[in-house]
Structure formats: C-alpha cells, structure tokens
PDB file of N, CA and C in Angstrom:
ATOM      1  N   MET A   1       0.843  -1.168   0.000  1.00  0.00           N
ATOM      2  CA  MET A   1       0.000   0.000   0.000  1.00  0.00           C
ATOM      3  C   MET A   1       0.901   1.249   0.000  1.00  0.00           C
ATOM      4  N   THR A   2       0.648   2.146  -0.911  1.00  0.00           N
ATOM      5  CA  THR A   2       1.433   3.363  -0.988  1.00  0.00           C
ATOM      6  C   THR A   2       0.698   4.491  -0.287  1.00  0.00           C
ATOM      7  N   ARG A   3       1.462   5.344   0.218  1.00  0.00           N
ATOM      8  CA  ARG A   3       0.929   6.447   1.004  1.00  0.00           C
ATOM      9  C   ARG A   3       1.297   7.763   0.332  1.00  0.00           C
ATOM     10  N   ARG A   4       0.395   8.693   0.318  1.00  0.00           N
ATOM     11  CA  ARG A   4       0.671  10.009  -0.244  1.00  0.00           C
ATOM     12  C   ARG A   4       0.497  11.064   0.851  1.00  0.00           C
ATOM     13  N   GLY A   5       1.425  12.054   0.871  1.00  0.00           N
ATOM     14  CA  GLY A   5       1.299  13.146   1.815  1.00  0.00           C
ATOM     15  C   GLY A   5       1.987  12.831   3.141  1.00  0.00           C
ATOM     16  N   PHE A   6       1.730  13.698   4.093  1.00  0.00           N
ATOM     17  CA  PHE A   6       2.348  13.583   5.411  1.00  0.00           C
ATOM     18  C   PHE A   6       1.284  13.296   6.441  1.00  0.00           C
ATOM     19  N   THR A   7       1.709  12.653   7.516  1.00  0.00           N
ATOM     20  CA  THR A   7       0.783  12.460   8.634  1.00  0.00           C
ATOM     21  C   THR A   7       0.758  13.749   9.438  1.00  0.00           C
ATOM     22  N   LEU A   8      -0.175  13.861  10.324  1.00  0.00           N
ATOM     23  CA  LEU A   8      -0.289  15.046  11.171  1.00  0.00           C
ATOM     24  C   LEU A   8       0.937  15.196  12.059  1.00  0.00           C
ATOM     25  N   VAL A   9       1.449  14.121  12.579  1.00  0.00           N
ATOM     26  CA  VAL A   9       2.639  14.172  13.449  1.00  0.00           C
ATOM     27  C   VAL A   9       3.844  14.689  12.666  1.00  0.00           C
ATOM     28  N   GLU A  10       4.035  14.241  11.445  1.00  0.00           N
ATOM     29  CA  GLU A  10       5.143  14.706  10.622  1.00  0.00           C
ATOM     30  C   GLU A  10       5.009  16.197  10.305  1.00  0.00           C
ATOM     31  N   ALA A  11       3.827  16.619  10.008  1.00  0.00           N
ATOM     32  CA  ALA A  11       3.596  18.032   9.687  1.00  0.00           C
ATOM     33  C   ALA A  11       3.854  18.924  10.901  1.00  0.00           C
ATOM     34  N   VAL A  12       3.388  18.508  12.076  1.00  0.00           N
ATOM     35  CA  VAL A  12       3.589  19.300  13.299  1.00  0.00           C
ATOM     36  C   VAL A  12       5.079  19.345  13.653  1.00  0.00           C
ATOM     37  N   THR A  13       5.773  18.225  13.495  1.00  0.00           N
ATOM     38  CA  THR A  13       7.209  18.180  13.782  1.00  0.00           C
ATOM     39  C   THR A  13       7.969  19.108  12.842  1.00  0.00           C
ATOM     40  N   ALA A  14       7.657  19.073  11.575  1.00  0.00           N
ATOM     41  CA  ALA A  14       8.316  19.952  10.598  1.00  0.00           C
ATOM     42  C   ALA A  14       8.042  21.419  10.915  1.00  0.00           C
ATOM     43  N   LEU A  15       6.814  21.736  11.305  1.00  0.00           N
ATOM     44  CA  LEU A  15       6.459  23.106  11.668  1.00  0.00           C
ATOM     45  C   LEU A  15       7.229  23.560  12.903  1.00  0.00           C
ATOM     46  N   ALA A  16       7.393  22.682  13.887  1.00  0.00           N
ATOM     47  CA  ALA A  16       8.139  23.020  15.103  1.00  0.00           C
ATOM     48  C   ALA A  16       9.605  23.294  14.783  1.00  0.00           C
ATOM     49  N   VAL A  17      10.186  22.491  13.906  1.00  0.00           N
ATOM     50  CA  VAL A  17      11.588  22.695  13.521  1.00  0.00           C
ATOM     51  C   VAL A  17      11.742  24.026  12.802  1.00  0.00           C
ATOM     52  N   VAL A  18      10.864  24.321  11.867  1.00  0.00           N
ATOM     53  CA  VAL A  18      10.930  25.594  11.135  1.00  0.00           C
ATOM     54  C   VAL A  18      10.744  26.775  12.095  1.00  0.00           C
ATOM     55  N   ALA A  19       9.807  26.668  13.032  1.00  0.00           N
ATOM     56  CA  ALA A  19       9.573  27.747  14.002  1.00  0.00           C
ATOM     57  C   ALA A  19      10.818  27.975  14.864  1.00  0.00           C
ATOM     58  N   ALA A  20      11.465  26.906  15.303  1.00  0.00           N
ATOM     59  CA  ALA A  20      12.677  27.032  16.113  1.00  0.00           C
ATOM     60  C   ALA A  20      13.789  27.717  15.326  1.00  0.00           C
ATOM     61  N   VAL A  21      13.937  27.378  14.069  1.00  0.00           N
ATOM     62  CA  VAL A  21      14.959  28.009  13.227  1.00  0.00           C
ATOM     63  C   VAL A  21      14.657  29.487  13.035  1.00  0.00           C
ATOM     64  N   VAL A  22      13.407  29.840  12.820  1.00  0.00           N
ATOM     65  CA  VAL A  22      13.027  31.246  12.619  1.00  0.00           C
ATOM     66  C   VAL A  22      13.289  32.057  13.886  1.00  0.00           C
ATOM     67  N   VAL A  23      12.916  31.529  15.043  1.00  0.00           N
ATOM     68  CA  VAL A  23      13.122  32.248  16.313  1.00  0.00           C
ATOM     69  C   VAL A  23      14.614  32.423  16.585  1.00  0.00           C
ATOM     70  N   THR A  24      15.392  31.380  16.368  1.00  0.00           N
ATOM     71  CA  THR A  24      16.837  31.466  16.586  1.00  0.00           C
ATOM     72  C   THR A  24      17.473  32.484  15.643  1.00  0.00           C
ATOM     73  N   THR A  25      17.065  32.488  14.401  1.00  0.00           N
ATOM     74  CA  THR A  25      17.591  33.449  13.432  1.00  0.00           C
ATOM     75  C   THR A  25      17.236  34.875  13.833  1.00  0.00           C
ATOM     76  N   GLN A  26      16.026  35.077  14.318  1.00  0.00           N
ATOM     77  CA  GLN A  26      15.600  36.403  14.758  1.00  0.00           C
ATOM     78  C   GLN A  26      16.468  36.882  15.924  1.00  0.00           C
ATOM     79  N   HIS A  27      16.736  36.016  16.894  1.00  0.00           N
ATOM     80  CA  HIS A  27      17.581  36.390  18.024  1.00  0.00           C
ATOM     81  C   HIS A  27      19.005  36.716  17.571  1.00  0.00           C
ATOM     82  N   LEU A  28      19.535  35.940  16.654  1.00  0.00           N
ATOM     83  CA  LEU A  28      20.878  36.208  16.147  1.00  0.00           C
ATOM     84  C   LEU A  28      20.948  37.545  15.418  1.00  0.00           C
ATOM     85  N   LEU A  29      19.948  37.849  14.614  1.00  0.00           N
ATOM     86  CA  LEU A  29      19.928  39.120  13.892  1.00  0.00           C
ATOM     87  C   LEU A  29      19.806  40.302  14.853  1.00  0.00           C
ATOM     88  N   ALA A  30      18.963  40.169  15.864  1.00  0.00           N
ATOM     89  CA  ALA A  30      18.799  41.249  16.845  1.00  0.00           C
ATOM     90  C   ALA A  30      20.097  41.463  17.620  1.00  0.00           C
ATOM     91  N   SER A  31      20.739  40.379  18.005  1.00  0.00           N
ATOM     92  CA  SER A  31      22.013  40.476  18.720  1.00  0.00           C
ATOM     93  C   SER A  31      23.079  41.116  17.836  1.00  0.00           C
ATOM     94  N   SER A  32      23.107  40.751  16.594  1.00  0.00           N
ATOM     95  CA  SER A  32      24.066  41.327  15.655  1.00  0.00           C
ATOM     96  C   SER A  32      23.837  42.828  15.488  1.00  0.00           C
ATOM     97  N   ALA A  33      22.586  43.238  15.385  1.00  0.00           N
ATOM     98  CA  ALA A  33      22.268  44.664  15.245  1.00  0.00           C
ATOM     99  C   ALA A  33      22.715  45.444  16.477  1.00  0.00           C
ATOM    100  N   ARG A  34      22.501  44.887  17.673  1.00  0.00           N
ATOM    101  CA  ARG A  34      22.944  45.554  18.901  1.00  0.00           C
ATOM    102  C   ARG A  34      24.468  45.667  18.940  1.00  0.00           C
ATOM    103  N   THR A  35      25.148  44.619  18.519  1.00  0.00           N
ATOM    104  CA  THR A  35      26.611  44.632  18.507  1.00  0.00           C
ATOM    105  C   THR A  35      27.141  45.680  17.539  1.00  0.00           C
ATOM    106  N   VAL A  36      26.543  45.768  16.367  1.00  0.00           N
ATOM    107  CA  VAL A  36      26.968  46.765  15.382  1.00  0.00           C
ATOM    108  C   VAL A  36      26.750  48.176  15.928  1.00  0.00           C
ATOM    109  N   ALA A  37      25.619  48.413  16.569  1.00  0.00           N
ATOM    110  CA  ALA A  37      25.333  49.736  17.144  1.00  0.00           C
ATOM    111  C   ALA A  37      26.332  50.075  18.250  1.00  0.00           C
ATOM    112  N   ALA A  38      26.650  49.112  19.091  1.00  0.00           N
ATOM    113  CA  ALA A  38      27.616  49.345  20.170  1.00  0.00           C
ATOM    114  C   ALA A  38      29.007  49.621  19.613  1.00  0.00           C
ATOM    115  N   GLU A  39      29.411  48.891  18.600  1.00  0.00           N
ATOM    116  CA  GLU A  39      30.724  49.113  17.986  1.00  0.00           C
ATOM    117  C   GLU A  39      30.788  50.466  17.291  1.00  0.00           C
ATOM    118  N   ARG A  40      29.709  50.856  16.658  1.00  0.00           N
ATOM    119  CA  ARG A  40      29.663  52.170  16.002  1.00  0.00           C
ATOM    120  C   ARG A  40      29.780  53.286  17.044  1.00  0.00           C
ATOM    121  N   ALA A  41      29.081  53.127  18.169  1.00  0.00           N
ATOM    122  CA  ALA A  41      29.164  54.127  19.240  1.00  0.00           C
ATOM    123  C   ALA A  41      30.564  54.164  19.840  1.00  0.00           C
ATOM    124  N   ALA A  42      31.179  52.998  20.022  1.00  0.00           N
ATOM    125  CA  ALA A  42      32.539  52.953  20.562  1.00  0.00           C
ATOM    126  C   ALA A  42      33.518  53.652  19.625  1.00  0.00           C
ATOM    127  N   THR A  43      33.353  53.459  18.348  1.00  0.00           N
ATOM    128  CA  THR A  43      34.220  54.123  17.368  1.00  0.00           C
ATOM    129  C   THR A  43      34.023  55.632  17.411  1.00  0.00           C
ATOM    130  N   ARG A  44      32.767  56.068  17.502  1.00  0.00           N
ATOM    131  CA  ARG A  44      32.492  57.512  17.583  1.00  0.00           C
ATOM    132  C   ARG A  44      33.122  58.121  18.825  1.00  0.00           C
ATOM    133  N   THR A  45      33.015  57.427  19.976  1.00  0.00           N
ATOM    134  CA  THR A  45      33.579  57.979  21.216  1.00  0.00           C
ATOM    135  C   THR A  45      35.098  58.020  21.150  1.00  0.00           C
ATOM    136  N   GLN A  46      35.720  57.014  20.561  1.00  0.00           N
ATOM    137  CA  GLN A  46      37.178  57.008  20.439  1.00  0.00           C
ATOM    138  C   GLN A  46      37.659  58.121  19.514  1.00  0.00           C
ATOM    139  N   MET A  47      36.970  58.305  18.406  1.00  0.00           N
ATOM    140  CA  MET A  47      37.355  59.369  17.472  1.00  0.00           C
ATOM    141  C   MET A  47      37.192  60.751  18.121  1.00  0.00           C
ATOM    142  N   ALA A  48      36.102  60.933  18.856  1.00  0.00           N
ATOM    143  CA  ALA A  48      35.882  62.216  19.532  1.00  0.00           C
ATOM    144  C   ALA A  48      36.966  62.457  20.579  1.00  0.00           C
ATOM    145  N   ALA A  49      37.318  61.431  21.345  1.00  0.00           N
ATOM    146  CA  ALA A  49      38.367  61.582  22.364  1.00  0.00           C
ATOM    147  C   ALA A  49      39.705  61.909  21.722  1.00  0.00           C
ATOM    148  N   GLN A  50      40.032  61.255  20.631  1.00  0.00           N
ATOM    149  CA  GLN A  50      41.294  61.533  19.945  1.00  0.00           C
ATOM    150  C   GLN A  50      41.318  62.952  19.381  1.00  0.00           C
ATOM    151  N   THR A  51      40.184  63.413  18.875  1.00  0.00           N
ATOM    152  CA  THR A  51      40.096  64.773  18.343  1.00  0.00           C
ATOM    153  C   THR A  51      40.293  65.809  19.452  1.00  0.00           C
ATOM    154  N   LEU A  52      39.647  65.589  20.597  1.00  0.00           N
ATOM    155  CA  LEU A  52      39.778  66.519  21.717  1.00  0.00           C
ATOM    156  C   LEU A  52      41.200  66.525  22.267  1.00  0.00           C
ATOM    157  N   LEU A  53      41.840  65.383  22.281  1.00  0.00           N
ATOM    158  CA  LEU A  53      43.219  65.309  22.742  1.00  0.00           C
ATOM    159  C   LEU A  53      44.159  65.978  21.733  1.00  0.00           C
ATOM    160  N   ALA A  54      43.891  65.816  20.459  1.00  0.00           N
ATOM    161  CA  ALA A  54      44.707  66.462  19.425  1.00  0.00           C
ATOM    162  C   ALA A  54      44.609  67.982  19.532  1.00  0.00           C
ATOM    163  N   GLU A  55      43.438  68.471  19.874  1.00  0.00           N
ATOM    164  CA  GLU A  55      43.280  69.916  20.055  1.00  0.00           C
ATOM    165  C   GLU A  55      44.183  70.418  21.177  1.00  0.00           C
ATOM    166  N   ALA A  56      44.325  69.612  22.231  1.00  0.00           N
ATOM    167  CA  ALA A  56      45.198  69.997  23.342  1.00  0.00           C
ATOM    168  C   ALA A  56      46.668  69.959  22.927  1.00  0.00           C
ATOM    169  N   ARG A  57      47.007  69.114  21.959  1.00  0.00           N
ATOM    170  CA  ARG A  57      48.388  69.067  21.465  1.00  0.00           C
ATOM    171  C   ARG A  57      48.715  70.295  20.616  1.00  0.00           C
ATOM    172  N   VAL A  58      47.729  70.802  19.889  1.00  0.00           N
ATOM    173  CA  VAL A  58      47.940  71.902  18.947  1.00  0.00           C
ATOM    174  C   VAL A  58      48.027  73.249  19.639  1.00  0.00           C
ATOM    175  N   ARG A  59      47.185  73.461  20.628  1.00  0.00           N
ATOM    176  CA  ARG A  59      47.193  74.764  21.302  1.00  0.00           C
ATOM    177  C   ARG A  59      47.117  74.570  22.812  1.00  0.00           C
ATOM    178  N   ALA A  60      47.706  75.502  23.522  1.00  0.00           N
ATOM    179  CA  ALA A  60      47.704  75.441  24.985  1.00  0.00           C
ATOM    180  C   ALA A  60      46.285  75.677  25.492  1.00  0.00           C
ATOM    181  N   LEU A  61      45.833  74.796  26.353  1.00  0.00           N
ATOM    182  CA  LEU A  61      44.498  74.941  26.935  1.00  0.00           C
ATOM    183  C   LEU A  61      44.622  75.352  28.393  1.00  0.00           C
ATOM    184  N   PRO A  62      43.686  76.154  28.882  1.00  0.00           N
ATOM    185  CA  PRO A  62      43.750  76.553  30.292  1.00  0.00           C
ATOM    186  C   PRO A  62      43.449  75.365  31.208  1.00  0.00           C
ATOM    187  N   LEU A  63      43.954  75.448  32.430  1.00  0.00           N
ATOM    188  CA  LEU A  63      43.661  74.413  33.410  1.00  0.00           C
ATOM    189  C   LEU A  63      42.171  74.409  33.716  1.00  0.00           C
ATOM    190  N   GLY A  64      41.632  73.244  33.972  1.00  0.00           N
ATOM    191  CA  GLY A  64      40.227  73.144  34.342  1.00  0.00           C
ATOM    192  C   GLY A  64      39.496  72.076  33.559  1.00  0.00           C
ATOM    193  N   LEU A  65      38.198  72.006  33.813  1.00  0.00           N
ATOM    194  CA  LEU A  65      37.332  70.995  33.215  1.00  0.00           C
ATOM    195  C   LEU A  65      36.373  71.646  32.234  1.00  0.00           C
ATOM    196  N   VAL A  66      36.275  71.062  31.047  1.00  0.00           N
ATOM    197  CA  VAL A  66      35.337  71.525  30.025  1.00  0.00           C
ATOM    198  C   VAL A  66      34.453  70.342  29.661  1.00  0.00           C
ATOM    199  N   THR A  67      33.125  70.552  29.632  1.00  0.00           N
ATOM    200  CA  THR A  67      32.193  69.497  29.247  1.00  0.00           C
ATOM    201  C   THR A  67      31.372  69.972  28.062  1.00  0.00           C
ATOM    202  N   GLY A  68      30.809  69.020  27.341  1.00  0.00           N
ATOM    203  CA  GLY A  68      29.973  69.380  26.214  1.00  0.00           C
ATOM    204  C   GLY A  68      29.546  68.166  25.419  1.00  0.00           C
ATOM    205  N   THR A  69      29.006  68.434  24.252  1.00  0.00           N
ATOM    206  CA  THR A  69      28.558  67.382  23.343  1.00  0.00           C
ATOM    207  C   THR A  69      29.036  67.736  21.949  1.00  0.00           C
ATOM    208  N   THR A  70      29.576  66.751  21.243  1.00  0.00           N
ATOM    209  CA  THR A  70      30.035  66.983  19.873  1.00  0.00           C
ATOM    210  C   THR A  70      28.834  67.042  18.935  1.00  0.00           C
ATOM    211  N   ALA A  71      29.095  67.389  17.690  1.00  0.00           N
ATOM    212  CA  ALA A  71      28.023  67.505  16.697  1.00  0.00           C
ATOM    213  C   ALA A  71      27.308  66.183  16.444  1.00  0.00           C
ATOM    214  N   ASP A  72      28.013  65.074  16.620  1.00  0.00           N
ATOM    215  CA  ASP A  72      27.363  63.780  16.380  1.00  0.00           C
ATOM    216  C   ASP A  72      26.848  63.120  17.653  1.00  0.00           C
ATOM    217  N   GLY A  73      26.679  63.886  18.725  1.00  0.00           N
ATOM    218  CA  GLY A  73      26.001  63.392  19.923  1.00  0.00           C
ATOM    219  C   GLY A  73      26.866  62.678  20.941  1.00  0.00           C
ATOM    220  N   VAL A  74      28.170  62.861  20.899  1.00  0.00           N
ATOM    221  CA  VAL A  74      29.059  62.246  21.876  1.00  0.00           C
ATOM    222  C   VAL A  74      29.304  63.240  23.007  1.00  0.00           C
ATOM    223  N   SER A  75      28.970  62.850  24.236  1.00  0.00           N
ATOM    224  CA  SER A  75      29.219  63.701  25.396  1.00  0.00           C
ATOM    225  C   SER A  75      30.685  63.573  25.795  1.00  0.00           C
ATOM    226  N   PHE A  76      31.274  64.689  26.245  1.00  0.00           N
ATOM    227  CA  PHE A  76      32.688  64.632  26.612  1.00  0.00           C
ATOM    228  C   PHE A  76      32.992  65.483  27.831  1.00  0.00           C
ATOM    229  N   GLU A  77      34.100  65.126  28.485  1.00  0.00           N
ATOM    230  CA  GLU A  77      34.719  65.918  29.535  1.00  0.00           C
ATOM    231  C   GLU A  77      36.198  65.978  29.202  1.00  0.00           C
ATOM    232  N   ARG A  78      36.755  67.168  29.191  1.00  0.00           N
ATOM    233  CA  ARG A  78      38.200  67.304  28.983  1.00  0.00           C
ATOM    234  C   ARG A  78      38.740  68.077  30.170  1.00  0.00           C
ATOM    235  N   GLU A  79      39.633  67.437  30.891  1.00  0.00           N
ATOM    236  CA  GLU A  79      40.213  68.044  32.079  1.00  0.00           C
ATOM    237  C   GLU A  79      41.705  68.245  31.851  1.00  0.00           C
ATOM    238  N   VAL A  80      42.146  69.477  32.092  1.00  0.00           N
ATOM    239  CA  VAL A  80      43.566  69.812  31.990  1.00  0.00           C
ATOM    240  C   VAL A  80      44.043  70.129  33.396  1.00  0.00           C
ATOM    241  N   ARG A  81      45.063  69.362  33.850  1.00  0.00           N
ATOM    242  CA  ARG A  81      45.609  69.542  35.202  1.00  0.00           C
ATOM    243  C   ARG A  81      47.100  69.811  35.137  1.00  0.00           C
ATOM    244  N   ALA A  82      47.596  70.482  36.162  1.00  0.00           N
ATOM    245  CA  ALA A  82      49.036  70.677  36.286  1.00  0.00           C
ATOM    246  C   ALA A  82      49.664  69.338  36.655  1.00  0.00           C
ATOM    247  N   ALA A  83      50.789  69.042  36.035  1.00  0.00           N
ATOM    248  CA  ALA A  83      51.522  67.810  36.350  1.00  0.00           C
ATOM    249  C   ALA A  83      52.563  68.129  37.423  1.00  0.00           C
ATOM    250  N   ASP A  84      53.306  67.114  37.837  1.00  0.00           N
ATOM    251  CA  ASP A  84      54.340  67.318  38.850  1.00  0.00           C
ATOM    252  C   ASP A  84      55.430  68.280  38.366  1.00  0.00           C
ATOM    253  N   HIS A  85      55.718  68.239  37.089  1.00  0.00           N
ATOM    254  CA  HIS A  85      56.711  69.147  36.506  1.00  0.00           C
ATOM    255  C   HIS A  85      55.984  70.391  35.998  1.00  0.00           C
ATOM    256  N   PRO A  86      56.492  71.595  36.288  1.00  0.00           N
ATOM    257  CA  PRO A  86      55.771  72.818  35.898  1.00  0.00           C
ATOM    258  C   PRO A  86      55.629  73.017  34.388  1.00  0.00           C
ATOM    259  N   ALA A  87      56.464  72.371  33.586  1.00  0.00           N
ATOM    260  CA  ALA A  87      56.375  72.549  32.132  1.00  0.00           C
ATOM    261  C   ALA A  87      55.413  71.568  31.480  1.00  0.00           C
ATOM    262  N   LEU A  88      54.748  70.729  32.282  1.00  0.00           N
ATOM    263  CA  LEU A  88      53.868  69.698  31.735  1.00  0.00           C
ATOM    264  C   LEU A  88      52.439  69.870  32.221  1.00  0.00           C
ATOM    265  N   ARG A  89      51.525  69.374  31.429  1.00  0.00           N
ATOM    266  CA  ARG A  89      50.098  69.342  31.785  1.00  0.00           C
ATOM    267  C   ARG A  89      49.563  67.939  31.523  1.00  0.00           C
ATOM    268  N   GLU A  90      48.689  67.483  32.390  1.00  0.00           N
ATOM    269  CA  GLU A  90      48.002  66.203  32.171  1.00  0.00           C
ATOM    270  C   GLU A  90      46.639  66.510  31.569  1.00  0.00           C
ATOM    271  N   VAL A  91      46.364  65.914  30.430  1.00  0.00           N
ATOM    272  CA  VAL A  91      45.081  66.116  29.755  1.00  0.00           C
ATOM    273  C   VAL A  91      44.337  64.786  29.783  1.00  0.00           C
ATOM    274  N   ARG A  92      43.144  64.808  30.377  1.00  0.00           N
ATOM    275  CA  ARG A  92      42.311  63.609  30.489  1.00  0.00           C
ATOM    276  C   ARG A  92      41.001  63.874  29.748  1.00  0.00           C
ATOM    277  N   VAL A  93      40.690  63.003  28.786  1.00  0.00           N
ATOM    278  CA  VAL A  93      39.473  63.152  27.986  1.00  0.00           C
ATOM    279  C   VAL A  93      38.602  61.923  28.199  1.00  0.00           C
ATOM    280  N   ARG A  94      37.332  62.156  28.555  1.00  0.00           N
ATOM    281  CA  ARG A  94      36.355  61.074  28.709  1.00  0.00           C
ATOM    282  C   ARG A  94      35.196  61.342  27.753  1.00  0.00           C
ATOM    283  N   THR A  95      34.803  60.326  27.000  1.00  0.00           N
ATOM    284  CA  THR A  95      33.681  60.472  26.078  1.00  0.00           C
ATOM    285  C   THR A  95      32.734  59.289  26.234  1.00  0.00           C
ATOM    286  N   HIS A  96      31.464  59.514  25.903  1.00  0.00           N
ATOM    287  CA  HIS A  96      30.478  58.426  25.900  1.00  0.00           C
ATOM    288  C   HIS A  96      29.214  58.865  25.152  1.00  0.00           C
ATOM    289  N   VAL A  97      28.443  57.864  24.740  1.00  0.00           N
ATOM    290  CA  VAL A  97      27.140  58.108  24.124  1.00  0.00           C
ATOM    291  C   VAL A  97      26.098  57.715  25.155  1.00  0.00           C
ATOM    292  N   GLU A  98      25.228  58.651  25.523  1.00  0.00           N
ATOM    293  CA  GLU A  98      24.246  58.425  26.591  1.00  0.00           C
ATOM    294  C   GLU A  98      23.370  57.204  26.345  1.00  0.00           C
ATOM    295  N   ALA A  99      22.921  57.030  25.118  1.00  0.00           N
ATOM    296  CA  ALA A  99      21.941  55.984  24.809  1.00  0.00           C
ATOM    297  C   ALA A  99      22.524  54.578  24.808  1.00  0.00           C
ATOM    298  N   ILE A 100      23.848  54.461  24.772  1.00  0.00           N
ATOM    299  CA  ILE A 100      24.459  53.132  24.652  1.00  0.00           C
ATOM    300  C   ILE A 100      25.416  52.909  25.815  1.00  0.00           C
ATOM    301  N   PRO A 101      25.009  52.101  26.802  1.00  0.00           N
ATOM    302  CA  PRO A 101      25.883  51.820  27.942  1.00  0.00           C
ATOM    303  C   PRO A 101      27.166  51.119  27.478  1.00  0.00           C
ATOM    304  N   GLY A 102      28.260  51.425  28.135  1.00  0.00           N
ATOM    305  CA  GLY A 102      29.521  50.785  27.805  1.00  0.00           C
ATOM    306  C   GLY A 102      30.220  51.364  26.595  1.00  0.00           C
ATOM    307  N   SER A 103      29.737  52.497  26.091  1.00  0.00           N
ATOM    308  CA  SER A 103      30.336  53.077  24.885  1.00  0.00           C
ATOM    309  C   SER A 103      31.416  54.095  25.219  1.00  0.00           C
ATOM    310  N   GLY A 104      31.809  54.171  26.466  1.00  0.00           N
ATOM    311  CA  GLY A 104      32.741  55.207  26.884  1.00  0.00           C
ATOM    312  C   GLY A 104      34.180  54.949  26.484  1.00  0.00           C
ATOM    313  N   CYS A 105      34.939  56.036  26.476  1.00  0.00           N
ATOM    314  CA  CYS A 105      36.355  55.989  26.162  1.00  0.00           C
ATOM    315  C   CYS A 105      37.044  57.018  27.051  1.00  0.00           C
ATOM    316  N   GLU A 106      38.248  56.684  27.516  1.00  0.00           N
ATOM    317  CA  GLU A 106      39.031  57.637  28.300  1.00  0.00           C
ATOM    318  C   GLU A 106      40.472  57.606  27.811  1.00  0.00           C
ATOM    319  N   LEU A 107      41.002  58.779  27.506  1.00  0.00           N
ATOM    320  CA  LEU A 107      42.385  58.915  27.085  1.00  0.00           C
ATOM    321  C   LEU A 107      43.083  59.901  28.008  1.00  0.00           C
ATOM    322  N   VAL A 108      44.315  59.610  28.362  1.00  0.00           N
ATOM    323  CA  VAL A 108      45.114  60.492  29.212  1.00  0.00           C
ATOM    324  C   VAL A 108      46.469  60.667  28.551  1.00  0.00           C
ATOM    325  N   GLU A 109      46.933  61.912  28.504  1.00  0.00           N
ATOM    326  CA  GLU A 109      48.241  62.181  27.928  1.00  0.00           C
ATOM    327  C   GLU A 109      48.879  63.330  28.683  1.00  0.00           C
ATOM    328  N   VAL A 110      50.188  63.284  28.814  1.00  0.00           N
ATOM    329  CA  VAL A 110      50.945  64.366  29.435  1.00  0.00           C
ATOM    330  C   VAL A 110      51.596  65.157  28.306  1.00  0.00           C
ATOM    331  N   LEU A 111      51.323  66.475  28.305  1.00  0.00           N
ATOM    332  CA  LEU A 111      51.801  67.347  27.224  1.00  0.00           C
ATOM    333  C   LEU A 111      52.579  68.510  27.786  1.00  0.00           C
ATOM    334  N   ARG A 112      53.315  69.186  26.912  1.00  0.00           N
ATOM    335  CA  ARG A 112      53.992  70.416  27.320  1.00  0.00           C
ATOM    336  C   ARG A 112      52.940  71.452  27.677  1.00  0.00           C
ATOM    337  N   ALA A 113      53.281  72.311  28.638  1.00  0.00           N
ATOM    338  CA  ALA A 113      52.332  73.317  29.099  1.00  0.00           C
ATOM    339  C   ALA A 113      52.057  74.371  28.043  1.00  0.00           C
ATOM    340  N   ALA A 114      53.034  74.709  27.245  1.00  0.00           N
ATOM    341  CA  ALA A 114      52.839  75.720  26.203  1.00  0.00           C
ATOM    342  C   ALA A 114      52.893  75.036  24.841  1.00  0.00           C
ATOM    343  N   ALA A 115      52.102  75.546  23.913  1.00  0.00           N
ATOM    344  CA  ALA A 115      52.116  74.980  22.558  1.00  0.00           C
ATOM    345  C   ALA A 115      53.451  75.271  21.894  1.00  0.00           C
ATOM    346  N   VAL A 116      53.901  74.325  21.102  1.00  0.00           N
ATOM    347  CA  VAL A 116      55.150  74.499  20.371  1.00  0.00           C
ATOM    348  C   VAL A 116      54.873  75.371  19.144  1.00  0.00           C
ATOM    349  N   PRO A 117      55.662  76.434  18.909  1.00  0.00           N
ATOM    350  CA  PRO A 117      55.379  77.316  17.759  1.00  0.00           C
ATOM    351  C   PRO A 117      55.614  76.651  16.430  1.00  0.00           C
TER     352      PRO A 117
END
C-alpha cells in the first residue's frame, strides 16, 4: 500500500523545527544589530576623544574641566591639570554616548604646558 502526503505528526514536527529556526535566526539578527550599534558608538567615542586630545596638542588649553557634546552626539569631559613638573600638563578626555551603555572611552596624555610654535 502506498501512502501520499504527510501524517499530522510529521507536519507538526516539521512546523516546530521551522519555528525554532526562525526564532533562533531572529535572536541572532537582533544580537548582531545591537553589537553593530555598540561598535559604532565605541568608534564615535574614540574618534571624539582623539580629536579633543589632538586639540590639546595643537594649542595650549587653560587648566580646568570643560564638558559638552560633539556635533554627532558624543558627550565629553576634557580636564587639563598641572603635572608634577611645571612645564607639563596632564590632559584627560572622557567620552560616551548616553543611549548606549559601555560606549565610553578615556584617554590620558601628558603634554607640554605651552604649545610648540
């Protein structure tokens, strides 16, 4: 006797397997999207911190703390402190994106107190 088609048990099993694959794929895609967003934010914060530190290398900045937000939404703090040697300054830059936890970056560099002509 030949049989045509699937039994109900076979059809339900196949549907369960397909549903499991779809749900797993959805979770992987969502996780991937979150990872890409976090990496993009980390790159933005690092670039902003490097830019703020480069500005301190180019021109002498007054001692103190400056806070703000860059044009692309990165919050920053740049602190210039006197170092142990009077001709040096410690520049500490902290950046982060508010909406993405863990996207922060901190750079510290010791520079000459006066800009080089």
